[in-house]
PDB file of N, CA and C in Angstrom:
ATOM      1  N   MET A   1       1.096  -1.210   0.158  1.00  0.00           N
ATOM      2  CA  MET A   1      -0.070   0.023   0.043  1.00  0.00           C
ATOM      3  C   MET A   1       0.900   1.282  -0.208  1.00  0.00           C
ATOM      4  N   ALA A   2       0.406   2.433  -0.578  1.00  0.00           N
ATOM      5  CA  ALA A   2       1.158   3.491  -0.825  1.00  0.00           C
ATOM      6  C   ALA A   2       1.409   4.153   0.697  1.00  0.00           C
ATOM      7  N   ARG A   3       2.097   4.864   1.099  1.00  0.00           N
ATOM      8  CA  ARG A   3       2.529   5.698   2.200  1.00  0.00           C
ATOM      9  C   ARG A   3       1.192   6.678   2.446  1.00  0.00           C
ATOM     10  N   TYR A   4       1.556   7.532   1.478  1.00  0.00           N
ATOM     11  CA  TYR A   4       0.338   8.658   1.511  1.00  0.00           C
ATOM     12  C   TYR A   4      -0.872   8.186   0.628  1.00  0.00           C
ATOM     13  N   ILE A   5      -2.027   8.585   1.425  1.00  0.00           N
ATOM     14  CA  ILE A   5      -3.319   8.542   0.552  1.00  0.00           C
ATOM     15  C   ILE A   5      -4.050   9.769   0.497  1.00  0.00           C
ATOM     16  N   PRO A   6      -4.650  10.059  -0.401  1.00  0.00           N
ATOM     17  CA  PRO A   6      -5.628  11.162  -0.426  1.00  0.00           C
ATOM     18  C   PRO A   6      -6.894  11.007   0.447  1.00  0.00           C
ATOM     19  N   ILE A   7      -7.189  12.266   0.760  1.00  0.00           N
ATOM     20  CA  ILE A   7      -8.424  12.324   1.590  1.00  0.00           C
ATOM     21  C   ILE A   7      -9.707  12.130   0.555  1.00  0.00           C
ATOM     22  N   THR A   8     -10.851  11.654   1.022  1.00  0.00           N
ATOM     23  CA  THR A   8     -11.807  11.433  -0.066  1.00  0.00           C
ATOM     24  C   THR A   8     -12.443  12.849  -0.206  1.00  0.00           C
ATOM     25  N   GLY A   9     -13.388  12.703  -1.082  1.00  0.00           N
ATOM     26  CA  GLY A   9     -14.316  13.884  -1.515  1.00  0.00           C
ATOM     27  C   GLY A   9     -13.773  14.965  -2.411  1.00  0.00           C
ATOM     28  N   ILE A  10     -12.311  14.741  -2.745  1.00  0.00           N
ATOM     29  CA  ILE A  10     -11.941  15.763  -3.904  1.00  0.00           C
ATOM     30  C   ILE A  10     -11.756  15.335  -5.097  1.00  0.00           C
ATOM     31  N   ASP A  11     -12.512  15.569  -5.942  1.00  0.00           N
ATOM     32  CA  ASP A  11     -12.486  15.315  -7.279  1.00  0.00           C
ATOM     33  C   ASP A  11     -11.580  15.998  -8.223  1.00  0.00           C
ATOM     34  N   CYS A  12     -10.145  15.438  -7.894  1.00  0.00           N
ATOM     35  CA  CYS A  12      -9.058  15.897  -8.802  1.00  0.00           C
ATOM     36  C   CYS A  12      -8.287  14.947  -9.192  1.00  0.00           C
ATOM     37  N   LYS A  13      -7.358  15.133 -10.358  1.00  0.00           N
ATOM     38  CA  LYS A  13      -6.505  13.963 -10.719  1.00  0.00           C
ATOM     39  C   LYS A  13      -5.310  14.037  -9.952  1.00  0.00           C
ATOM     40  N   ILE A  14      -4.782  15.236  -9.486  1.00  0.00           N
ATOM     41  CA  ILE A  14      -3.764  15.257  -8.648  1.00  0.00           C
ATOM     42  C   ILE A  14      -4.095  15.684  -7.291  1.00  0.00           C
ATOM     43  N   PRO A  15      -3.961  14.825  -6.374  1.00  0.00           N
ATOM     44  CA  PRO A  15      -4.563  15.237  -4.901  1.00  0.00           C
ATOM     45  C   PRO A  15      -3.630  16.062  -4.037  1.00  0.00           C
ATOM     46  N   ALA A  16      -3.879  16.853  -3.340  1.00  0.00           N
ATOM     47  CA  ALA A  16      -2.946  17.869  -2.663  1.00  0.00           C
ATOM     48  C   ALA A  16      -3.094  17.552  -1.229  1.00  0.00           C
ATOM     49  N   LEU A  17      -4.181  17.146  -0.722  1.00  0.00           N
ATOM     50  CA  LEU A  17      -4.034  16.797   0.811  1.00  0.00           C
ATOM     51  C   LEU A  17      -4.131  15.333   0.799  1.00  0.00           C
ATOM     52  N   LEU A  18      -3.200  14.665   1.679  1.00  0.00           N
ATOM     53  CA  LEU A  18      -2.966  13.516   1.894  1.00  0.00           C
ATOM     54  C   LEU A  18      -2.751  13.056   3.141  1.00  0.00           C
ATOM     55  N   ILE A  19      -3.060  11.765   3.718  1.00  0.00           N
ATOM     56  CA  ILE A  19      -2.771  11.219   4.746  1.00  0.00           C
ATOM     57  C   ILE A  19      -1.713  10.379   4.798  1.00  0.00           C
ATOM     58  N   ASP A  20      -0.886  10.395   5.990  1.00  0.00           N
ATOM     59  CA  ASP A  20       0.648   9.638   6.253  1.00  0.00           C
ATOM     60  C   ASP A  20       0.262   8.418   6.930  1.00  0.00           C
ATOM     61  N   ARG A  21       0.039   7.244   6.461  1.00  0.00           N
ATOM     62  CA  ARG A  21      -0.087   5.990   7.018  1.00  0.00           C
ATOM     63  C   ARG A  21       0.869   5.812   7.790  1.00  0.00           C
ATOM     64  N   GLU A  22       2.034   6.215   7.795  1.00  0.00           N
ATOM     65  CA  GLU A  22       2.799   5.819   8.707  1.00  0.00           C
ATOM     66  C   GLU A  22       2.958   6.991   9.847  1.00  0.00           C
ATOM     67  N   ALA A  23       1.972   7.850   9.974  1.00  0.00           N
ATOM     68  CA  ALA A  23       2.155   8.780  11.041  1.00  0.00           C
ATOM     69  C   ALA A  23       1.453   7.990  12.434  1.00  0.00           C
ATOM     70  N   PRO A  24       2.191   8.286  13.511  1.00  0.00           N
ATOM     71  CA  PRO A  24       1.785   7.644  14.750  1.00  0.00           C
ATOM     72  C   PRO A  24       0.333   7.812  14.930  1.00  0.00           C
ATOM     73  N   VAL A  25      -0.350   6.690  15.891  1.00  0.00           N
ATOM     74  CA  VAL A  25      -1.910   6.698  15.951  1.00  0.00           C
ATOM     75  C   VAL A  25      -2.214   7.731  16.745  1.00  0.00           C
ATOM     76  N   ASP A  26      -1.309   8.409  17.659  1.00  0.00           N
ATOM     77  CA  ASP A  26      -2.050   9.513  18.529  1.00  0.00           C
ATOM     78  C   ASP A  26      -2.017  10.735  17.668  1.00  0.00           C
ATOM     79  N   VAL A  27      -1.562  10.698  16.555  1.00  0.00           N
ATOM     80  CA  VAL A  27      -1.404  11.939  15.869  1.00  0.00           C
ATOM     81  C   VAL A  27      -2.430  11.719  14.887  1.00  0.00           C
ATOM     82  N   LEU A  28      -2.686  10.766  14.348  1.00  0.00           N
ATOM     83  CA  LEU A  28      -3.859  10.466  13.418  1.00  0.00           C
ATOM     84  C   LEU A  28      -5.000  10.729  14.293  1.00  0.00           C
ATOM     85  N   HIS A  29      -5.250  10.152  15.619  1.00  0.00           N
ATOM     86  CA  HIS A  29      -6.496  10.192  16.463  1.00  0.00           C
ATOM     87  C   HIS A  29      -6.792  11.624  16.654  1.00  0.00           C
ATOM     88  N   GLY A  30      -5.278  12.254  17.012  1.00  0.00           N
ATOM     89  CA  GLY A  30      -5.861  13.885  17.387  1.00  0.00           C
ATOM     90  C   GLY A  30      -6.371  14.620  16.325  1.00  0.00           C
ATOM     91  N   THR A  31      -5.912  14.307  15.147  1.00  0.00           N
ATOM     92  CA  THR A  31      -6.138  15.237  14.214  1.00  0.00           C
ATOM     93  C   THR A  31      -7.851  14.801  13.610  1.00  0.00           C
ATOM     94  N   ALA A  32      -8.225  13.705  13.824  1.00  0.00           N
ATOM     95  CA  ALA A  32      -9.406  13.102  13.647  1.00  0.00           C
ATOM     96  C   ALA A  32     -10.435  13.528  14.804  1.00  0.00           C
ATOM     97  N   ALA A  33     -10.071  13.828  15.945  1.00  0.00           N
ATOM     98  CA  ALA A  33     -10.663  14.313  17.025  1.00  0.00           C
ATOM     99  C   ALA A  33     -10.762  15.615  17.009  1.00  0.00           C
ATOM    100  N   TYR A  34     -10.007  16.493  16.344  1.00  0.00           N
ATOM    101  CA  TYR A  34      -9.890  18.085  16.440  1.00  0.00           C
ATOM    102  C   TYR A  34     -11.252  18.338  15.546  1.00  0.00           C
ATOM    103  N   ARG A  35     -11.040  17.467  14.259  1.00  0.00           N
ATOM    104  CA  ARG A  35     -12.198  17.995  13.249  1.00  0.00           C
ATOM    105  C   ARG A  35     -13.442  17.403  13.676  1.00  0.00           C
ATOM    106  N   LEU A  36     -13.619  16.244  14.448  1.00  0.00           N
ATOM    107  CA  LEU A  36     -14.898  16.140  15.121  1.00  0.00           C
ATOM    108  C   LEU A  36     -15.614  16.765  16.069  1.00  0.00           C
ATOM    109  N   ARG A  37     -14.469  17.372  17.059  1.00  0.00           N
ATOM    110  CA  ARG A  37     -15.116  18.458  17.756  1.00  0.00           C
ATOM    111  C   ARG A  37     -15.449  19.693  17.161  1.00  0.00           C
ATOM    112  N   CYS A  38     -14.682  19.926  15.834  1.00  0.00           N
ATOM    113  CA  CYS A  38     -15.460  21.305  15.204  1.00  0.00           C
ATOM    114  C   CYS A  38     -16.693  21.084  14.849  1.00  0.00           C
ATOM    115  N   VAL A  39     -16.839  19.915  14.353  1.00  0.00           N
ATOM    116  CA  VAL A  39     -18.118  19.837  13.754  1.00  0.00           C
ATOM    117  C   VAL A  39     -19.250  19.865  14.789  1.00  0.00           C
ATOM    118  N   THR A  40     -19.033  19.153  15.850  1.00  0.00           N
ATOM    119  CA  THR A  40     -19.598  19.024  16.971  1.00  0.00           C
ATOM    120  C   THR A  40     -20.082  20.436  17.556  1.00  0.00           C
ATOM    121  N   GLN A  41     -19.205  21.000  17.629  1.00  0.00           N
ATOM    122  CA  GLN A  41     -19.240  22.618  18.147  1.00  0.00           C
ATOM    123  C   GLN A  41     -20.422  23.252  17.379  1.00  0.00           C
ATOM    124  N   LEU A  42     -20.267  23.048  15.951  1.00  0.00           N
ATOM    125  CA  LEU A  42     -20.976  24.166  15.183  1.00  0.00           C
ATOM    126  C   LEU A  42     -22.365  23.222  14.924  1.00  0.00           C
ATOM    127  N   MET A  43     -22.633  22.222  15.227  1.00  0.00           N
ATOM    128  CA  MET A  43     -23.810  21.459  15.082  1.00  0.00           C
ATOM    129  C   MET A  43     -24.748  21.950  16.445  1.00  0.00           C
ATOM    130  N   GLU A  44     -23.847  21.863  17.512  1.00  0.00           N
ATOM    131  CA  GLU A  44     -24.640  22.295  18.893  1.00  0.00           C
ATOM    132  C   GLU A  44     -25.013  23.702  18.608  1.00  0.00           C
ATOM    133  N   THR A  45     -24.196  24.537  18.223  1.00  0.00           N
ATOM    134  CA  THR A  45     -24.488  26.078  18.003  1.00  0.00           C
ATOM    135  C   THR A  45     -25.761  26.118  16.970  1.00  0.00           C
ATOM    136  N   LEU A  46     -25.925  25.016  16.145  1.00  0.00           N
ATOM    137  CA  LEU A  46     -27.283  25.072  15.155  1.00  0.00           C
ATOM    138  C   LEU A  46     -28.414  24.624  15.935  1.00  0.00           C
ATOM    139  N   ALA A  47     -27.692  23.729  16.694  1.00  0.00           N
ATOM    140  CA  ALA A  47     -29.288  23.099  17.536  1.00  0.00           C
ATOM    141  C   ALA A  47     -29.665  24.032  18.512  1.00  0.00           C
ATOM    142  N   LEU A  48     -28.754  24.977  19.298  1.00  0.00           N
ATOM    143  CA  LEU A  48     -29.320  25.890  20.407  1.00  0.00           C
ATOM    144  C   LEU A  48     -29.974  26.965  19.825  1.00  0.00           C
ATOM    145  N   GLY A  49     -30.142  27.021  18.253  1.00  0.00           N
ATOM    146  CA  GLY A  49     -30.558  28.463  17.940  1.00  0.00           C
ATOM    147  C   GLY A  49     -32.179  28.064  18.115  1.00  0.00           C
ATOM    148  N   ASP A  50     -32.867  29.266  17.747  1.00  0.00           N
ATOM    149  CA  ASP A  50     -34.400  29.124  17.612  1.00  0.00           C
ATOM    150  C   ASP A  50     -34.752  28.559  16.471  1.00  0.00           C
ATOM    151  N   GLY A  51     -33.893  28.367  15.446  1.00  0.00           N
ATOM    152  CA  GLY A  51     -34.491  27.955  14.004  1.00  0.00           C
ATOM    153  C   GLY A  51     -35.009  29.237  13.083  1.00  0.00           C
ATOM    154  N   LYS A  52     -35.352  30.250  13.756  1.00  0.00           N
ATOM    155  CA  LYS A  52     -36.040  31.323  12.774  1.00  0.00           C
ATOM    156  C   LYS A  52     -34.870  32.141  12.260  1.00  0.00           C
ATOM    157  N   GLY A  53     -35.296  32.419  10.901  1.00  0.00           N
ATOM    158  CA  GLY A  53     -34.450  32.888   9.924  1.00  0.00           C
ATOM    159  C   GLY A  53     -33.421  32.069   9.427  1.00  0.00           C
ATOM    160  N   HIS A  54     -33.424  30.804   9.305  1.00  0.00           N
ATOM    161  CA  HIS A  54     -32.551  30.078   8.839  1.00  0.00           C
ATOM    162  C   HIS A  54     -33.138  29.429   7.647  1.00  0.00           C
ATOM    163  N   ASP A  55     -32.719  30.087   6.324  1.00  0.00           N
ATOM    164  CA  ASP A  55     -33.313  29.463   5.190  1.00  0.00           C
ATOM    165  C   ASP A  55     -32.364  28.367   4.660  1.00  0.00           C
ATOM    166  N   ALA A  56     -33.122  27.468   3.615  1.00  0.00           N
ATOM    167  CA  ALA A  56     -32.636  26.381   3.210  1.00  0.00           C
ATOM    168  C   ALA A  56     -31.407  26.609   2.721  1.00  0.00           C
ATOM    169  N   LEU A  57     -30.936  27.613   2.238  1.00  0.00           N
ATOM    170  CA  LEU A  57     -29.607  27.731   1.356  1.00  0.00           C
ATOM    171  C   LEU A  57     -28.367  28.007   2.456  1.00  0.00           C
ATOM    172  N   LEU A  58     -28.931  28.621   3.620  1.00  0.00           N
ATOM    173  CA  LEU A  58     -27.948  28.919   4.697  1.00  0.00           C
ATOM    174  C   LEU A  58     -27.542  27.276   5.143  1.00  0.00           C
ATOM    175  N   LEU A  59     -28.453  26.441   5.608  1.00  0.00           N
ATOM    176  CA  LEU A  59     -28.662  25.125   6.168  1.00  0.00           C
ATOM    177  C   LEU A  59     -27.705  24.365   5.320  1.00  0.00           C
ATOM    178  N   GLN A  60     -27.916  24.460   3.839  1.00  0.00           N
ATOM    179  CA  GLN A  60     -27.352  23.783   2.818  1.00  0.00           C
ATOM    180  C   GLN A  60     -25.757  23.902   2.916  1.00  0.00           C
ATOM    181  N   ASP A  61     -25.354  25.205   2.835  1.00  0.00           N
ATOM    182  CA  ASP A  61     -23.846  25.756   3.129  1.00  0.00           C
ATOM    183  C   ASP A  61     -23.388  25.144   4.640  1.00  0.00           C
ATOM    184  N   PHE A  62     -24.091  25.229   5.706  1.00  0.00           N
ATOM    185  CA  PHE A  62     -23.551  24.556   6.911  1.00  0.00           C
ATOM    186  C   PHE A  62     -23.447  23.252   6.477  1.00  0.00           C
ATOM    187  N   ALA A  63     -24.310  22.517   6.023  1.00  0.00           N
ATOM    188  CA  ALA A  63     -24.101  21.049   5.854  1.00  0.00           C
ATOM    189  C   ALA A  63     -22.850  20.760   5.148  1.00  0.00           C
ATOM    190  N   ARG A  64     -22.661  21.576   4.029  1.00  0.00           N
ATOM    191  CA  ARG A  64     -21.461  21.136   3.060  1.00  0.00           C
ATOM    192  C   ARG A  64     -20.243  21.485   3.912  1.00  0.00           C
ATOM    193  N   VAL A  65     -20.085  22.565   4.815  1.00  0.00           N
ATOM    194  CA  VAL A  65     -19.043  23.019   5.585  1.00  0.00           C
ATOM    195  C   VAL A  65     -18.699  21.909   6.596  1.00  0.00           C
ATOM    196  N   MET A  66     -19.835  21.274   7.123  1.00  0.00           N
ATOM    197  CA  MET A  66     -19.367  20.325   8.229  1.00  0.00           C
ATOM    198  C   MET A  66     -18.895  18.912   7.404  1.00  0.00           C
ATOM    199  N   ALA A  67     -19.779  18.664   6.406  1.00  0.00           N
ATOM    200  CA  ALA A  67     -19.297  17.471   5.584  1.00  0.00           C
ATOM    201  C   ALA A  67     -17.720  17.196   5.428  1.00  0.00           C
ATOM    202  N   ILE A  68     -17.122  18.060   5.160  1.00  0.00           N
ATOM    203  CA  ILE A  68     -15.550  18.241   4.902  1.00  0.00           C
ATOM    204  C   ILE A  68     -14.831  17.583   5.939  1.00  0.00           C
ATOM    205  N   PRO A  69     -14.956  18.399   7.236  1.00  0.00           N
ATOM    206  CA  PRO A  69     -14.157  17.776   8.377  1.00  0.00           C
ATOM    207  C   PRO A  69     -14.758  16.139   8.898  1.00  0.00           C
ATOM    208  N   LEU A  70     -15.996  16.014   8.855  1.00  0.00           N
ATOM    209  CA  LEU A  70     -16.365  14.675   8.829  1.00  0.00           C
ATOM    210  C   LEU A  70     -15.846  13.554   7.935  1.00  0.00           C
ATOM    211  N   ARG A  71     -15.828  13.865   6.511  1.00  0.00           N
ATOM    212  CA  ARG A  71     -15.344  12.931   5.755  1.00  0.00           C
ATOM    213  C   ARG A  71     -13.355  12.606   6.173  1.00  0.00           C
ATOM    214  N   ASP A  72     -12.923  14.211   6.518  1.00  0.00           N
ATOM    215  CA  ASP A  72     -11.354  13.689   6.795  1.00  0.00           C
ATOM    216  C   ASP A  72     -11.586  12.877   7.924  1.00  0.00           C
ATOM    217  N   SER A  73     -12.227  13.068   9.216  1.00  0.00           N
ATOM    218  CA  SER A  73     -12.335  12.208  10.423  1.00  0.00           C
ATOM    219  C   SER A  73     -12.336  10.907   9.971  1.00  0.00           C
ATOM    220  N   CYS A  74     -13.253  10.645   9.157  1.00  0.00           N
ATOM    221  CA  CYS A  74     -13.802   9.042   8.613  1.00  0.00           C
ATOM    222  C   CYS A  74     -12.398   8.459   7.823  1.00  0.00           C
ATOM    223  N   ASP A  75     -11.807   9.123   6.993  1.00  0.00           N
ATOM    224  CA  ASP A  75     -10.359   8.729   6.418  1.00  0.00           C
ATOM    225  C   ASP A  75      -9.447   8.487   7.407  1.00  0.00           C
ATOM    226  N   LEU A  76      -9.275   9.167   8.299  1.00  0.00           N
ATOM    227  CA  LEU A  76      -8.165   9.224   9.507  1.00  0.00           C
ATOM    228  C   LEU A  76      -8.605   8.073  10.318  1.00  0.00           C
ATOM    229  N   MET A  77      -9.891   7.789  10.783  1.00  0.00           N
ATOM    230  CA  MET A  77     -10.150   6.730  11.382  1.00  0.00           C
ATOM    231  C   MET A  77      -9.955   5.440  10.925  1.00  0.00           C
ATOM    232  N   ASP A  78     -10.090   5.358   9.484  1.00  0.00           N
ATOM    233  CA  ASP A  78     -10.077   4.202   8.645  1.00  0.00           C
ATOM    234  C   ASP A  78      -8.427   3.767   8.517  1.00  0.00           C
ATOM    235  N   VAL A  79      -7.600   4.840   8.551  1.00  0.00           N
ATOM    236  CA  VAL A  79      -5.888   4.462   8.733  1.00  0.00           C
ATOM    237  C   VAL A  79      -5.825   4.247   9.996  1.00  0.00           C
ATOM    238  N   ILE A  80      -6.169   4.594  11.326  1.00  0.00           N
ATOM    239  CA  ILE A  80      -6.015   4.152  12.329  1.00  0.00           C
ATOM    240  C   ILE A  80      -6.513   2.653  12.748  1.00  0.00           C
ATOM    241  N   GLY A  81      -7.501   2.392  11.840  1.00  0.00           N
ATOM    242  CA  GLY A  81      -8.144   0.901  12.013  1.00  0.00           C
ATOM    243  C   GLY A  81      -7.246   0.001  11.389  1.00  0.00           C
ATOM    244  N   TRP A  82      -6.851   0.423  10.308  1.00  0.00           N
ATOM    245  CA  TRP A  82      -5.688  -0.452   9.460  1.00  0.00           C
ATOM    246  C   TRP A  82      -4.448  -0.702  10.329  1.00  0.00           C
ATOM    247  N   LYS A  83      -3.910   0.206  11.068  1.00  0.00           N
ATOM    248  CA  LYS A  83      -2.695   0.300  11.811  1.00  0.00           C
ATOM    249  C   LYS A  83      -2.855  -0.867  12.907  1.00  0.00           C
ATOM    250  N   LEU A  84      -4.127  -0.689  13.504  1.00  0.00           N
ATOM    251  CA  LEU A  84      -4.714  -1.419  14.404  1.00  0.00           C
ATOM    252  C   LEU A  84      -4.849  -2.931  14.303  1.00  0.00           C
ATOM    253  N   GLN A  85      -5.351  -3.011  13.205  1.00  0.00           N
ATOM    254  CA  GLN A  85      -5.462  -4.496  12.490  1.00  0.00           C
ATOM    255  C   GLN A  85      -4.250  -5.371  12.528  1.00  0.00           C
ATOM    256  N   ALA A  86      -3.285  -4.061  11.966  1.00  0.00           N
ATOM    257  CA  ALA A  86      -1.862  -4.622  11.461  1.00  0.00           C
ATOM    258  C   ALA A  86      -1.074  -5.386  12.880  1.00  0.00           C
ATOM    259  N   GLN A  87      -1.643  -4.735  13.959  1.00  0.00           N
ATOM    260  CA  GLN A  87      -0.829  -5.084  15.305  1.00  0.00           C
ATOM    261  C   GLN A  87      -1.474  -6.451  15.704  1.00  0.00           C
ATOM    262  N   LEU A  88      -2.809  -6.924  15.383  1.00  0.00           N
ATOM    263  CA  LEU A  88      -3.197  -8.128  15.682  1.00  0.00           C
ATOM    264  C   LEU A  88      -2.411  -9.196  15.276  1.00  0.00           C
TER     265      LEU A  88
END
């Protein structure tokens, strides 16, 4: 397997954002956890609002912005899983 894998969700022939499969597990975990906390905080902010004045386009933009770090986190968690499986 290649050492560097591109994050998913980017539709281009030459990826610029890569995950180092040889990075330590704690670094991979910390990076994934940071992204998950960012999305969680934004989701909580939206959930605490009264919902008035939120038009569909704004909510669609928020969903798109939140999907990026969620997808990154999934990719990082995949690499962590591979590393843990290799240790068994």
